[in-house]
Protein backbone atom coordinates (compact mmCIF):
# COMPACT_ATOMS: atom_id res chain seq x y z
CA MET A 1 21.70 148.80 35.39
CA GLU A 2 21.42 145.63 37.41
CA ALA A 3 22.75 143.50 34.52
CA LYS A 4 25.62 145.93 34.04
CA ALA A 5 26.54 145.72 37.73
CA ILE A 6 26.47 141.93 37.63
CA ALA A 7 28.77 141.91 34.59
CA THR A 8 31.14 144.34 36.27
CA GLY A 9 31.19 142.13 39.38
CA LEU A 10 31.97 139.07 37.31
CA ARG A 11 34.88 140.88 35.63
CA LEU A 12 36.25 141.96 39.03
CA THR A 13 35.90 138.42 40.40
CA ALA A 14 37.76 136.99 37.41
CA SER A 15 40.47 139.65 37.79
CA ASP A 16 40.87 138.86 41.51
CA ALA A 17 41.09 135.17 40.74
CA GLY A 18 43.79 135.87 38.18
CA ARG A 19 45.74 137.96 40.64
CA ASP A 20 45.46 135.22 43.30
CA ALA A 21 46.72 132.63 40.86
CA LEU A 22 49.59 134.89 39.89
CA VAL A 23 50.45 135.47 43.56
CA ARG A 24 50.34 131.72 44.23
CA ARG A 25 52.63 131.03 41.27
CA ALA A 26 55.02 133.77 42.40
CA GLY A 27 55.03 132.37 45.94
CA LEU A 28 55.80 128.85 44.70
CA PHE A 29 58.54 130.19 42.45
CA ALA A 30 60.05 132.22 45.33
CA ALA A 31 59.93 129.20 47.65
CA ALA A 32 61.66 127.03 45.05
CA LEU A 33 64.25 129.75 44.41
CA LEU A 34 64.82 130.12 48.16
CA ALA A 35 65.25 126.37 48.60
CA VAL A 36 67.96 126.42 45.97
CA ALA A 37 69.54 129.67 47.10
CA LEU A 38 69.83 128.94 50.82
CA PRO A 39 72.41 126.14 50.50
CA ALA A 40 74.28 128.20 47.94
CA ALA A 41 74.18 131.21 50.25
CA ALA A 42 75.47 129.07 53.10
CA GLN A 43 78.26 127.82 50.87
CA ARG A 44 79.09 131.38 49.83
CA GLN A 45 79.12 132.42 53.49
CA GLU A 46 81.68 129.70 54.22
CA GLN A 47 83.77 130.66 51.22
CA ALA A 48 83.66 134.31 52.28
CA ARG A 49 86.47 133.68 54.73
CA LEU A 50 88.74 132.20 52.07
CA HIS A 51 91.35 134.68 50.91
CA ARG A 52 93.40 134.16 47.77
CA ALA A 53 96.06 136.46 46.34
CA LYS A 54 99.13 136.32 44.12
CA ALA A 55 102.18 138.58 43.77
CA LEU A 56 105.91 138.24 42.98
CA GLY A 57 105.36 134.64 41.94
CA ILE A 58 103.96 133.74 45.39
CA SER A 59 100.42 132.40 45.53
CA LEU A 60 98.68 132.69 48.91
CA ALA A 61 95.48 131.04 50.18
CA VAL A 62 94.19 131.74 53.71
CA ASP A 63 91.32 129.87 55.34
CA ASP A 64 90.21 131.12 58.77
CA THR A 65 86.80 129.45 58.89
CA TRP A 66 86.43 127.63 62.21
CA PRO A 67 83.88 127.30 65.01
CA PRO A 68 83.93 130.01 67.68
CA VAL A 69 86.26 128.99 70.50
CA GLY A 70 86.63 130.03 74.10
CA PRO A 71 89.00 132.70 75.39
CA GLY A 72 92.66 131.72 75.45
CA VAL A 73 92.16 128.77 73.09
CA LEU A 74 94.38 128.43 70.02
CA TYR A 75 92.55 129.30 66.81
CA PRO A 76 93.77 127.71 63.54
CA VAL A 77 94.45 129.82 60.45
CA ARG A 78 95.19 127.42 57.58
CA ILE A 79 97.64 128.76 55.02
CA GLU A 80 98.84 127.54 51.65
CA LEU A 81 101.89 129.10 49.94
CA VAL A 82 103.06 128.23 46.43
CA ASN A 83 106.31 129.50 44.94
CA GLU A 84 105.53 129.71 41.24
CA GLY A 85 108.72 131.61 40.44
CA GLY A 86 112.09 130.29 39.38
CA GLN A 87 114.09 131.11 42.51
CA ASP A 88 114.01 130.31 46.21
CA ARG A 89 112.16 132.75 48.45
CA ARG A 90 112.26 133.49 52.17
CA VAL A 91 108.68 134.09 53.27
CA ALA A 92 107.45 135.41 56.62
CA ILE A 93 103.78 135.16 57.63
CA ARG A 94 102.76 137.61 60.35
CA TRP A 95 99.42 137.85 62.17
CA GLN A 96 99.06 141.19 63.97
CA GLY A 97 96.39 142.52 66.30
CA GLN A 98 94.68 145.80 65.59
CA ILE A 99 94.18 147.29 69.06
CA GLN A 100 96.69 145.36 71.17
CA PRO A 101 100.02 144.95 69.30
CA ASP A 102 100.14 141.17 69.57
CA GLU A 103 102.02 139.20 66.94
CA VAL A 104 102.12 135.58 65.76
CA ARG A 105 104.59 134.73 63.02
CA ARG A 106 106.30 131.97 61.08
CA GLU A 107 109.21 132.14 58.68
CA LEU A 108 110.13 129.55 56.07
CA VAL A 109 112.13 129.12 52.87
CA LEU A 110 110.16 128.15 49.76
CA SER A 111 112.14 126.48 46.98
CA ALA A 112 111.19 127.12 43.36
CA GLY A 113 107.94 125.28 42.58
CA GLU A 114 107.42 124.23 46.22
CA THR A 115 104.03 124.21 47.97
CA ALA A 116 103.78 124.64 51.74
CA ARG A 117 100.60 123.96 53.71
CA PHE A 118 100.54 124.65 57.44
CA THR A 119 98.40 125.96 60.28
CA LEU A 120 99.24 129.15 62.13
CA LEU A 121 97.84 128.76 65.65
CA VAL A 122 96.73 132.10 67.09
CA PRO A 123 95.50 132.46 70.69
CA ARG A 124 91.93 133.69 70.79
CA ALA A 125 92.76 136.71 72.90
CA GLY A 126 92.01 140.39 73.09
CA ARG A 127 89.44 142.43 71.23
CA HIS A 128 91.38 142.72 68.02
CA MET A 129 88.34 143.61 65.87
CA VAL A 130 89.95 143.14 62.44
CA PRO A 131 93.51 141.80 62.71
CA GLU A 132 95.76 141.66 59.67
CA LEU A 133 97.72 138.88 58.07
CA SER A 134 100.76 140.25 56.24
CA VAL A 135 103.36 138.51 54.10
CA GLU A 136 107.02 139.43 53.69
CA VAL A 137 109.00 138.07 50.75
CA ASP A 138 112.78 138.30 51.07
CA GLY A 139 112.43 140.84 53.89
CA GLU A 140 109.93 143.21 52.22
CA GLU A 141 106.19 143.28 52.85
CA VAL A 142 104.00 142.58 49.82
CA LYS A 143 100.85 144.67 50.15
CA GLU A 144 99.03 142.67 47.47
CA LEU A 145 99.15 139.60 49.75
CA ARG A 146 97.77 141.35 52.84
CA ASP A 147 94.53 139.99 54.29
CA GLU A 148 92.17 141.78 56.66
CA MET A 149 90.63 138.97 58.71
CA ARG A 150 87.14 140.37 59.09
CA GLY A 151 85.79 137.02 60.21
CA TRP A 152 87.85 137.39 63.40
CA TYR A 153 85.45 140.01 64.78
CA ASN A 154 82.56 137.56 64.51
CA ILE A 155 84.63 134.92 66.29
CA GLU A 156 85.48 137.35 69.07
CA SER A 157 81.95 138.61 69.64
CA GLU A 158 80.25 135.21 69.39
CA ALA A 159 82.71 133.50 71.72
CA GLU A 160 82.48 136.31 74.23
CA TYR A 161 78.75 137.00 74.31
CA GLY A 162 77.10 133.92 72.82
CA PRO A 163 76.09 130.70 74.60
CA GLY A 164 79.70 129.61 74.40
CA ARG A 165 80.42 132.05 77.22
CA ALA A 166 79.17 129.25 79.47
CA ARG A 167 80.84 126.46 77.48
CA GLY A 168 83.55 128.30 75.61
CA HIS A 169 83.39 125.92 72.65
CA GLY A 170 81.84 125.50 69.21
CA ILE A 171 80.94 122.46 67.13
CA LEU A 172 82.85 121.39 64.02
CA LEU A 173 80.83 119.41 61.47
CA VAL A 174 82.79 117.56 58.77
CA GLU A 175 80.66 116.65 55.74
CA ASP A 176 81.07 116.47 51.98
CA GLY A 177 78.01 118.54 51.09
CA VAL A 178 76.17 121.40 52.74
CA PRO A 179 74.20 119.92 55.69
CA ASP A 180 70.54 120.68 56.30
CA LEU A 181 70.44 122.10 59.83
CA ARG A 182 66.73 122.99 59.89
CA GLY A 183 65.90 120.09 62.23
CA ILE A 184 68.60 121.17 64.65
CA ASN A 185 67.63 124.80 64.38
CA ALA A 186 64.01 123.97 65.21
CA LEU A 187 64.97 122.55 68.60
CA TYR A 188 68.36 124.09 69.38
CA SER A 189 68.52 127.35 67.48
CA MET A 190 71.57 128.65 69.37
CA GLU A 191 73.50 125.40 68.98
CA ALA A 192 72.81 125.42 65.25
CA ARG A 193 74.29 128.88 65.09
CA TRP A 194 77.45 127.54 66.67
CA ILE A 195 77.89 124.68 64.21
CA VAL A 196 80.44 125.37 61.49
CA HIS A 197 80.60 123.02 58.53
CA LEU A 198 83.84 122.24 56.71
CA THR A 199 84.66 119.81 53.94
CA PRO A 200 87.41 117.25 54.68
CA ASP A 201 90.05 119.11 52.68
CA ARG A 202 89.80 122.24 54.88
CA LEU A 203 90.80 120.70 58.22
CA SER A 204 93.91 121.41 60.28
CA GLU A 205 96.83 119.06 60.88
CA LYS A 206 97.38 120.47 64.40
CA TRP A 207 95.63 118.69 67.27
CA GLN A 208 95.64 121.92 69.28
CA ALA A 209 93.17 123.34 66.73
CA TYR A 210 90.51 120.85 67.88
CA ASP A 211 91.38 121.09 71.57
CA GLY A 212 89.01 124.00 72.20
CA LEU A 213 85.93 122.50 70.51
CA GLN A 214 83.00 121.08 72.42
CA ILE A 215 82.21 118.48 69.72
CA ILE A 216 83.93 117.23 66.58
CA ALA A 217 81.21 115.66 64.43
CA VAL A 218 82.24 113.61 61.38
CA ASN A 219 80.18 111.64 58.88
CA ALA A 220 81.35 108.01 59.06
CA LYS A 221 81.48 107.84 55.27
CA VAL A 222 83.94 110.74 55.28
CA TRP A 223 86.21 109.38 58.05
CA PRO A 224 88.14 106.83 55.90
CA ARG A 225 88.89 109.57 53.36
CA LEU A 226 90.38 112.02 55.84
CA ALA A 227 94.05 112.78 55.35
CA PRO A 228 96.15 110.76 57.85
CA GLU A 229 97.44 113.92 59.52
CA HIS A 230 93.88 115.19 59.99
CA SER A 231 92.51 111.99 61.52
CA ARG A 232 95.56 111.71 63.81
CA ALA A 233 95.05 115.29 64.98
CA ILE A 234 91.35 114.70 65.72
CA LEU A 235 92.06 111.50 67.67
CA SER A 236 94.80 113.23 69.65
CA ALA A 237 92.37 116.00 70.63
CA VAL A 238 89.82 113.38 71.71
CA ARG A 239 92.44 111.54 73.77
CA ALA A 240 93.24 114.86 75.45
CA GLY A 241 89.64 115.24 76.64
CA GLY A 242 87.53 116.03 73.56
CA THR A 243 84.33 114.47 72.23
CA LEU A 244 84.06 112.89 68.76
CA VAL A 245 80.59 112.12 67.34
CA LEU A 246 80.50 109.76 64.34
CA PHE A 247 77.33 109.54 62.29
CA GLY A 248 77.02 105.86 61.38
CA ASP A 249 79.48 102.96 61.47
CA PRO A 250 83.04 104.08 60.59
CA GLY A 251 83.92 100.54 59.51
CA ALA A 252 87.04 98.51 60.22
CA GLY A 253 89.92 100.49 61.63
CA GLY A 254 87.83 103.48 62.65
CA PRO A 255 87.22 104.67 66.21
CA VAL A 256 84.61 102.75 68.18
CA ASP A 257 82.05 103.94 70.71
CA GLY A 258 83.47 104.40 74.20
CA ARG A 259 86.19 106.09 76.17
CA LEU A 260 89.38 107.15 74.41
CA GLY A 261 92.11 108.45 76.69
CA LEU A 262 90.64 111.36 78.65
CA GLY A 263 87.87 111.86 76.08
CA ARG A 264 85.30 109.70 74.35
CA VAL A 265 83.85 108.63 71.02
CA LYS A 266 80.08 108.60 70.46
CA VAL A 267 78.76 106.61 67.47
CA TRP A 268 75.42 108.14 66.47
CA SER A 269 73.10 105.77 64.60
CA GLU A 270 70.13 108.14 64.14
CA ASP A 271 69.72 110.74 61.43
CA PRO A 272 71.74 113.63 62.93
CA TYR A 273 69.69 116.28 61.12
CA SER A 274 66.17 115.05 61.89
CA LYS A 275 64.14 116.52 64.73
CA THR A 276 64.31 113.22 66.63
CA GLY A 277 68.05 112.65 66.26
CA THR A 278 69.57 116.02 67.05
CA ALA A 279 70.48 115.51 70.72
CA TRP A 280 74.14 115.00 69.76
CA VAL A 281 74.62 118.78 69.63
CA GLN A 282 74.27 118.87 73.43
CA GLU A 283 76.66 116.05 74.29
CA PRO A 284 78.42 117.26 77.46
CA PRO A 285 82.22 117.38 77.58
CA GLU A 286 83.92 114.54 79.43
CA ARG A 287 85.35 116.63 82.30
CA GLU A 288 83.21 119.76 82.50
CA GLY A 289 84.07 122.12 85.31
CA LYS A 290 86.92 120.11 86.87
CA ARG A 291 90.20 121.80 87.65
CA LEU A 292 93.40 120.23 88.89
CA VAL A 293 94.05 122.85 91.57
CA GLU A 294 92.15 124.89 94.12
CA LYS A 295 92.07 128.66 94.41
CA SER A 296 94.77 128.63 97.11
CA PHE A 297 97.35 127.08 94.74
CA ARG A 298 100.56 129.14 94.69
CA ILE A 299 104.35 128.91 95.09
CA PRO A 300 105.35 128.88 98.78
CA GLY A 301 107.17 132.05 99.78
CA VAL A 302 106.45 134.03 96.62
CA GLY A 303 104.69 137.28 97.37
CA GLU A 304 105.30 137.00 101.10
CA ILE A 305 107.08 139.75 103.03
CA PRO A 306 110.52 138.70 104.40
CA LEU A 307 109.63 139.69 107.96
CA ASN A 308 112.81 138.43 109.64
CA GLY A 309 115.03 140.29 107.22
CA LEU A 310 112.98 143.45 107.64
CA ARG A 311 113.13 143.23 111.42
CA VAL A 312 116.93 142.84 111.43
CA THR A 313 117.39 145.64 108.88
CA LEU A 314 115.14 148.07 110.76
CA PHE A 315 116.81 147.24 114.07
CA VAL A 316 120.28 147.89 112.64
CA PHE A 317 119.04 151.09 110.97
CA VAL A 318 117.57 152.44 114.23
CA VAL A 319 120.77 151.68 116.12
CA LEU A 320 122.98 153.27 113.45
CA VAL A 321 120.91 156.38 112.80
CA GLY A 322 120.34 157.00 116.51
CA PRO A 323 122.91 156.13 119.21
CA VAL A 324 125.84 155.30 116.92
CA ASN A 325 125.30 158.34 114.70
CA ILE A 326 125.08 160.74 117.69
CA LEU A 327 127.99 159.11 119.52
CA VAL A 328 130.31 159.41 116.54
CA THR A 329 129.38 162.90 115.34
CA ALA A 330 128.65 164.67 118.63
CA TYR A 331 131.12 163.10 121.03
CA LEU A 332 133.97 161.56 119.04
CA LEU A 333 134.20 164.08 116.18
CA LYS A 334 132.74 166.99 118.20
CA LYS A 335 130.78 168.11 115.11
CA ARG A 336 127.06 167.97 115.72
CA ALA A 337 126.38 169.80 112.48
CA LEU A 338 127.34 166.60 110.65
CA LEU A 339 124.03 165.11 111.83
CA LEU A 340 122.40 167.13 109.05
CA VAL A 341 124.42 165.07 106.56
CA THR A 342 124.83 161.67 108.20
CA THR A 343 121.14 161.20 109.14
CA PRO A 344 119.76 161.62 105.58
CA ALA A 345 122.66 159.55 104.23
CA LEU A 346 121.94 156.68 106.63
CA ALA A 347 118.20 156.93 105.84
CA LEU A 348 118.99 156.69 102.12
CA LEU A 349 121.29 153.74 102.76
CA GLY A 350 118.62 151.99 104.82
CA SER A 351 116.02 152.50 102.11
CA GLY A 352 118.39 151.07 99.52
CA ILE A 353 119.07 148.04 101.72
CA LEU A 354 115.32 147.43 102.06
CA LEU A 355 114.88 147.60 98.28
CA VAL A 356 117.77 145.21 97.69
CA LEU A 357 116.43 142.86 100.35
CA SER A 358 112.98 142.74 98.79
CA PHE A 359 114.52 142.14 95.36
CA VAL A 360 117.00 139.46 96.43
CA SER A 361 114.68 137.61 98.81
CA GLU A 362 112.85 135.89 95.93
CA GLY A 363 116.00 135.06 93.98
CA PHE A 364 116.86 135.38 90.30
CA SER A 365 115.98 131.91 89.02
CA VAL A 366 112.63 130.60 87.72
CA ARG A 367 110.54 128.90 90.38
CA SER A 368 107.56 126.71 89.55
CA ARG A 369 104.83 124.64 91.04
CA THR A 370 102.84 122.16 88.94
CA VAL A 371 99.99 119.69 89.19
CA SER A 372 99.87 117.30 86.22
CA TRP A 373 97.62 114.42 85.24
CA THR A 374 99.03 111.88 82.78
CA TRP A 375 96.96 109.15 81.17
CA LEU A 376 99.18 106.30 79.99
CA ASP A 377 97.84 104.79 76.77
CA ARG A 378 99.75 101.48 76.78
CA GLU A 379 98.17 100.20 73.56
CA ASN A 380 99.33 103.15 71.46
CA ASP A 381 102.47 104.05 73.48
CA LEU A 382 101.16 107.55 74.20
CA ALA A 383 101.09 109.79 77.25
CA ILE A 384 98.24 112.31 77.42
CA ILE A 385 99.13 115.11 79.83
CA ARG A 386 97.07 117.93 81.31
CA SER A 387 98.80 120.29 83.69
CA GLU A 388 98.36 123.54 85.56
CA SER A 389 101.49 125.40 86.60
CA VAL A 390 102.41 128.68 88.18
CA LEU A 391 105.82 130.20 87.32
CA TYR A 392 107.73 133.01 88.96
CA ALA A 393 110.88 134.43 87.40
CA GLY A 394 113.18 136.52 89.58
CA LEU A 395 114.85 137.50 86.31
CA ALA A 396 113.03 136.58 83.10
CA PRO A 397 115.05 134.46 80.63
CA SER A 398 116.01 136.39 77.52
CA GLU A 399 114.71 133.69 75.17
CA GLY A 400 111.26 133.64 76.82
CA LEU A 401 109.36 130.34 76.93
CA VAL A 402 110.10 127.82 74.18
CA PHE A 403 107.64 124.91 73.94
CA ASP A 404 107.46 121.88 71.73
CA PRO A 405 105.27 122.65 68.68
CA GLY A 406 102.92 119.85 69.75
CA THR A 407 102.09 121.39 73.14
CA ALA A 408 98.83 123.26 73.66
CA VAL A 409 99.67 126.31 75.77
CA HIS A 410 97.38 128.77 77.53
CA ALA A 411 99.11 131.32 79.76
CA ILE A 412 97.05 133.66 81.92
CA ASP A 413 98.04 136.10 84.61
CA ARG A 414 97.37 134.99 88.19
CA SER A 415 95.31 138.05 89.08
CA VAL A 416 93.03 137.31 86.16
CA VAL A 417 92.74 133.67 87.23
CA LEU A 418 91.68 134.57 90.76
CA GLU A 419 89.28 137.18 89.45
CA GLU A 420 87.62 134.71 87.08
CA TRP A 421 87.79 131.64 89.33
CA ASP A 422 84.18 131.67 90.54
CA ARG A 423 82.73 131.97 87.05
CA LYS A 424 81.56 128.81 85.33
CA PRO A 425 84.68 127.13 83.93
CA SER A 426 85.08 125.74 80.45
CA PRO A 427 85.02 121.97 79.82
CA TYR A 428 88.76 121.73 80.39
CA GLY A 429 88.62 123.91 83.47
CA TYR A 430 90.32 126.90 81.87
CA PRO A 431 89.07 130.23 83.25
CA HIS A 432 87.10 132.32 80.78
CA HIS A 433 89.16 135.36 79.98
CA TYR A 434 90.29 136.71 76.65
CA GLY A 435 93.65 137.90 77.99
CA TYR A 436 96.39 135.65 76.57
CA PRO A 437 98.70 135.74 78.29
CA TYR A 438 98.09 138.86 80.40
CA GLY A 439 94.67 140.24 79.61
CA GLU A 440 93.81 143.59 78.17
CA PRO A 441 96.53 146.26 77.73
CA GLU A 442 95.10 148.38 80.55
CA GLU A 443 95.74 145.47 82.94
CA SER A 444 99.37 144.87 82.04
CA GLY A 445 100.48 147.09 79.17
CA ARG A 446 102.24 144.14 77.54
CA ALA A 447 101.59 142.28 74.32
CA TYR A 448 102.59 138.76 73.39
CA GLU A 449 104.76 137.56 70.53
CA ILE A 450 104.69 133.93 69.38
CA ASP A 451 107.13 132.56 66.82
CA TRP A 452 106.28 129.23 65.16
CA SER A 453 109.33 129.18 62.88
CA GLU A 454 111.31 126.69 64.97
CA GLY A 455 109.00 125.31 67.60
CA GLN A 456 106.62 127.41 69.69
CA ALA A 457 108.40 130.36 71.25
CA LEU A 458 106.75 133.01 73.41
CA ARG A 459 109.42 135.65 72.81
CA SER A 460 107.91 138.48 74.87
CA GLY A 461 105.14 138.73 77.40
CA GLY A 462 105.27 135.01 78.11
CA LEU A 463 107.26 135.08 81.35
CA PRO A 464 107.81 138.56 82.83
CA SER A 465 110.11 139.21 85.75
CA ARG A 466 108.66 139.26 89.25
CA ARG A 467 105.13 138.41 88.22
CA LEU A 468 103.21 135.15 88.66
CA THR A 469 102.39 133.44 85.38
CA TRP A 470 99.88 130.62 85.11
CA LEU A 471 100.25 127.97 82.41
CA PHE A 472 97.56 125.55 81.33
CA THR A 473 99.11 122.97 79.01
CA GLY A 474 98.07 119.86 77.12
CA GLN A 475 100.33 117.28 75.49
CA VAL A 476 100.00 114.06 73.51
CA VAL A 477 103.49 112.55 73.34
CA PRO A 478 104.86 109.14 72.32
CA VAL A 479 106.45 107.29 75.23
CA ARG A 480 108.21 104.00 75.89
CA ALA A 481 107.11 103.25 79.42
CA GLU A 482 105.42 100.29 80.98
CA LEU A 483 103.68 99.29 84.17
CA VAL A 484 103.02 95.56 84.65
CA LEU A 485 101.11 93.60 87.25
CA GLU A 486 102.56 90.23 88.20
CA LYS A 487 101.10 87.60 90.51
CA THR A 488 103.16 86.36 93.44
CA GLY A 489 103.31 82.86 94.87
CA ASP A 490 101.18 83.73 97.90
CA GLY A 491 98.28 84.96 95.74
CA GLY A 492 99.17 88.63 95.93
CA TYR A 493 100.31 91.06 93.23
CA GLU A 494 103.39 93.11 92.45
CA LEU A 495 103.68 96.26 90.35
CA VAL A 496 106.76 96.39 88.12
CA ASN A 497 107.86 100.01 87.56
CA GLY A 498 109.03 100.46 83.99
CA LEU A 499 108.85 104.26 84.23
CA PRO A 500 111.93 106.50 84.22
CA VAL A 501 110.88 108.02 87.59
CA ALA A 502 110.01 106.68 91.02
CA ILE A 503 106.47 105.92 92.18
CA ARG A 504 105.70 107.36 95.62
CA SER A 505 102.32 105.76 96.25
CA GLY A 506 99.20 104.54 94.46
CA TYR A 507 96.58 101.87 94.03
CA VAL A 508 94.95 99.61 91.44
CA VAL A 509 91.19 98.97 91.28
CA ARG A 510 90.69 95.20 91.64
CA SER A 511 86.91 95.09 91.50
CA SER A 512 84.11 97.59 91.09
CA SER A 513 81.18 98.26 93.38
CA ALA A 514 78.65 101.01 93.90
CA VAL A 515 80.91 102.53 96.54
CA LEU A 516 84.59 101.66 96.32
CA GLY A 517 85.73 100.12 99.58
CA ARG A 518 89.16 99.30 100.91
CA SER A 519 88.92 95.73 99.62
CA ASP A 520 88.34 97.02 96.07
CA LEU A 521 91.60 98.99 96.02
CA TRP A 522 94.99 97.27 96.15
CA HIS A 523 97.50 99.82 97.46
CA LEU A 524 101.25 99.94 97.06
CA GLN A 525 102.95 99.16 100.34
CA GLY A 526 105.79 101.63 99.75
CA PRO A 527 107.69 103.68 97.13
CA VAL A 528 108.96 101.91 94.00
CA GLU A 529 112.16 103.04 92.27
CA PRO A 530 112.60 102.88 88.46
CA GLY A 531 112.98 99.24 87.45
CA GLY A 532 111.89 98.05 90.89
CA ARG A 533 108.93 96.08 92.20
CA GLY A 534 106.32 97.06 94.72
CA SER A 535 103.93 94.83 96.65
CA LEU A 536 100.18 95.42 96.42
CA ALA A 537 97.70 94.54 99.13
CA PRO A 538 94.05 95.32 99.87
CA GLY A 539 93.74 98.46 101.94
CA GLY A 540 97.03 99.83 103.18
CA PRO A 541 98.34 103.39 103.00
CA SER A 542 96.29 105.66 100.76
CA SER A 543 97.62 108.38 98.44
CA ARG A 544 97.25 111.67 100.30
CA LEU A 545 96.47 114.71 98.18
CA PRO A 546 97.91 118.17 98.81
CA GLU A 547 95.47 120.60 100.39
CA ASP A 548 95.15 122.70 97.23
CA VAL A 549 94.40 119.73 94.92
CA PRO A 550 90.63 119.07 94.66
CA ALA A 551 89.24 115.88 96.20
CA TRP A 552 87.73 114.61 92.93
CA VAL A 553 91.26 113.69 91.79
CA GLY A 554 91.46 110.93 94.38
CA ARG A 555 87.88 109.73 93.83
CA GLU A 556 87.30 109.80 90.08
CA VAL A 557 90.61 109.35 88.28
CA ALA A 558 90.55 105.55 88.73
CA LYS A 559 87.33 103.71 89.65
CA GLU A 560 86.85 100.97 87.04
CA PRO A 561 88.40 97.47 87.36
CA GLY A 562 91.98 97.50 86.10
CA GLU A 563 92.41 101.28 86.34
CA PHE A 564 95.28 102.58 88.43
CA PHE A 565 96.29 105.81 90.15
CA VAL A 566 99.93 106.38 91.12
CA VAL A 567 101.76 109.47 92.39
CA LEU A 568 105.11 110.13 90.66
CA SER A 569 108.22 111.81 92.01
CA SER A 570 108.29 113.97 88.85
CA ASN A 571 106.82 114.07 85.34
CA PRO A 572 109.54 113.24 82.79
CA TRP A 573 107.39 114.26 79.81
CA LEU A 574 106.10 117.61 81.09
CA ASP A 575 106.79 120.65 78.89
CA LEU A 576 106.95 123.98 80.73
CA GLY A 577 108.87 125.85 78.04
CA LEU A 578 112.10 125.89 80.07
CA GLU A 579 114.94 123.43 80.39
CA GLU A 580 115.04 123.75 84.14
CA THR A 581 113.04 125.34 86.96
CA GLU A 582 113.20 125.20 90.74
CA ALA A 583 110.18 122.96 91.31
CA GLU A 584 108.48 123.35 94.68
CA GLU A 585 105.81 121.00 96.03
CA ASP A 586 104.87 119.57 92.64
CA PHE A 587 102.18 116.90 92.44
CA HIS A 588 102.21 114.55 89.45
CA PHE A 589 99.86 111.61 89.11
CA LEU A 590 99.54 108.94 86.46
CA SER A 591 96.52 106.83 85.54
CA GLY A 592 95.58 104.25 82.96
CA ARG A 593 94.53 100.61 82.65
CA LEU A 594 96.31 97.41 83.68
CA GLU A 595 95.46 93.75 83.24
CA PHE A 596 95.34 91.53 86.28
CA PRO A 597 97.21 88.27 85.55
CA GLY A 598 95.18 85.09 85.57
CA PRO A 599 95.55 82.23 88.06
């Protein structure tokens, strides 16, 4: 019996050992399979947002893969249309919200055999859940080309409730292959979740698409192979305040480490995916939390009660309905019964006069107030503009607001701005709210309509009558303007104004110290007209800021040697979507770099 038990035990031990070996082999096989499948799964997840369809000789490809962006930011939907038929076609692309009836559209004519690639910029606004992209060919919708953009729900929820609620921005990673983000995920799991990888051929040609990103990260080996329109768009977004991280040396002709316009370029020499070189994912934006205006910023007179007019109207009404009415009806006409008719009639007339007075007191034109910051890039002949404006239309223009297609526009209702003001702002200072331009339907009951066919037109909802509308805009525009410093015979300096507008005041930083003193700043001694010259001297009159412009504007805009800060009479390059407005108490300032002439 004992020998039999020993033999049985040996058989069980051998069986257990076999099972353990089998389990180990299965585990190794599963690990190897997982290592191969994970990159493929990640690639499939990226490709899941690619939509391709074909009907009536029109081939459609839609790519809406992009990092989550903050509320109000323009989100790029890249579209490719191919007319494979033998005749010209008129095609209309229409993005439509599901809950709120918002609409973004573009119409174009496709010749036979023509291919059109473009980006449809859609404001990240409203809880649209699953919006639809529809296509009309020659005026009729083609159901076979319709696309339900299910990825949009993930964008909405992540941007609203994820860590980007504090930042409002995602990270775009441009690489050839599928990157290994395990090192990043080990230290910054949430940041890794916000990184979206795209290959170079899937980028957007619109700089506004990159404007809402916290970081644009590009492999230096990939940078020279980017399409010219893609690299130009990325650099424009960086000049407008973005952050570009380059892994490795981009080589000759590529961007170098340092400041670029209002943004900056960071060349990263470490392995960006290792546990020791992943800090780039937390590079802070250049101007986090800084707005151009204070909470009290508004148009003078708008929303105020016309007290003098009301006093005069009420006084006249009391006199007419009382003594005059009784004198005429009771004593002159001898018909007191008429008081039953004349008193209500005069009351109705007085009420109508009050309504007309309140309507007419604010006029019928469009009034505006704007604070703009322009960085003058003299080397590249560019002006980078950031502005905050408030508009008030007594009677809304029928054509709405029509902007240049290169302007980044975010329009938010004033009540929403004030409500959201104390929350942590996004890196560009835009308030976090998903209502573009007027919030949720229960707040305003209006939807927006944007037409990209010929420019950027906000056809409805953009500028309503008798309601304050806030605009946050960004522009990168080519300019031919120059400011030059010249040395005078007595050892001083003069500023030559080559701008198309007058300079009211300003200064140039001559030298840098820990705390800028009066001797470090050479101030203009008076206004300078276009084409004129203005004397500079240490100290002198300083540039006074309006009460509702934050103090950091005067302290931080220019503080390095050669940088300047000047206040302009107007901004000739500003785009407000209207040919003309009644500007009231605008404040426009210009900064950049100048070279002090040698001895």
